[in-house]
Amino acid sequence: MIKTQIIKEDEKPVAVVLDYEEYKRLLSIEQDKDDIASADKVKRQNKKWTAHSDLKKELGI
């Protein structure tokens, strides 16, 4: 596993080198965060909800 490295320019951090698996893990967390925010927005905007079982009956599933 590659140790995370911080690249600096004039003593200021400008880039990070990290393990690809760690990058994928962080990306997944970010995507989950976006999905939760989107679901929360939809939930706040919709006042009428249909139960899952009722929806399945309506769709004939």
Foldseek 3Di string as FASTA:
>chain_A
DDDKDFDDDPNHTDDIDDDPVVVVVVVVVVVVVVVVVVVVVVVVVDPDDDDPVRVCVVVVD
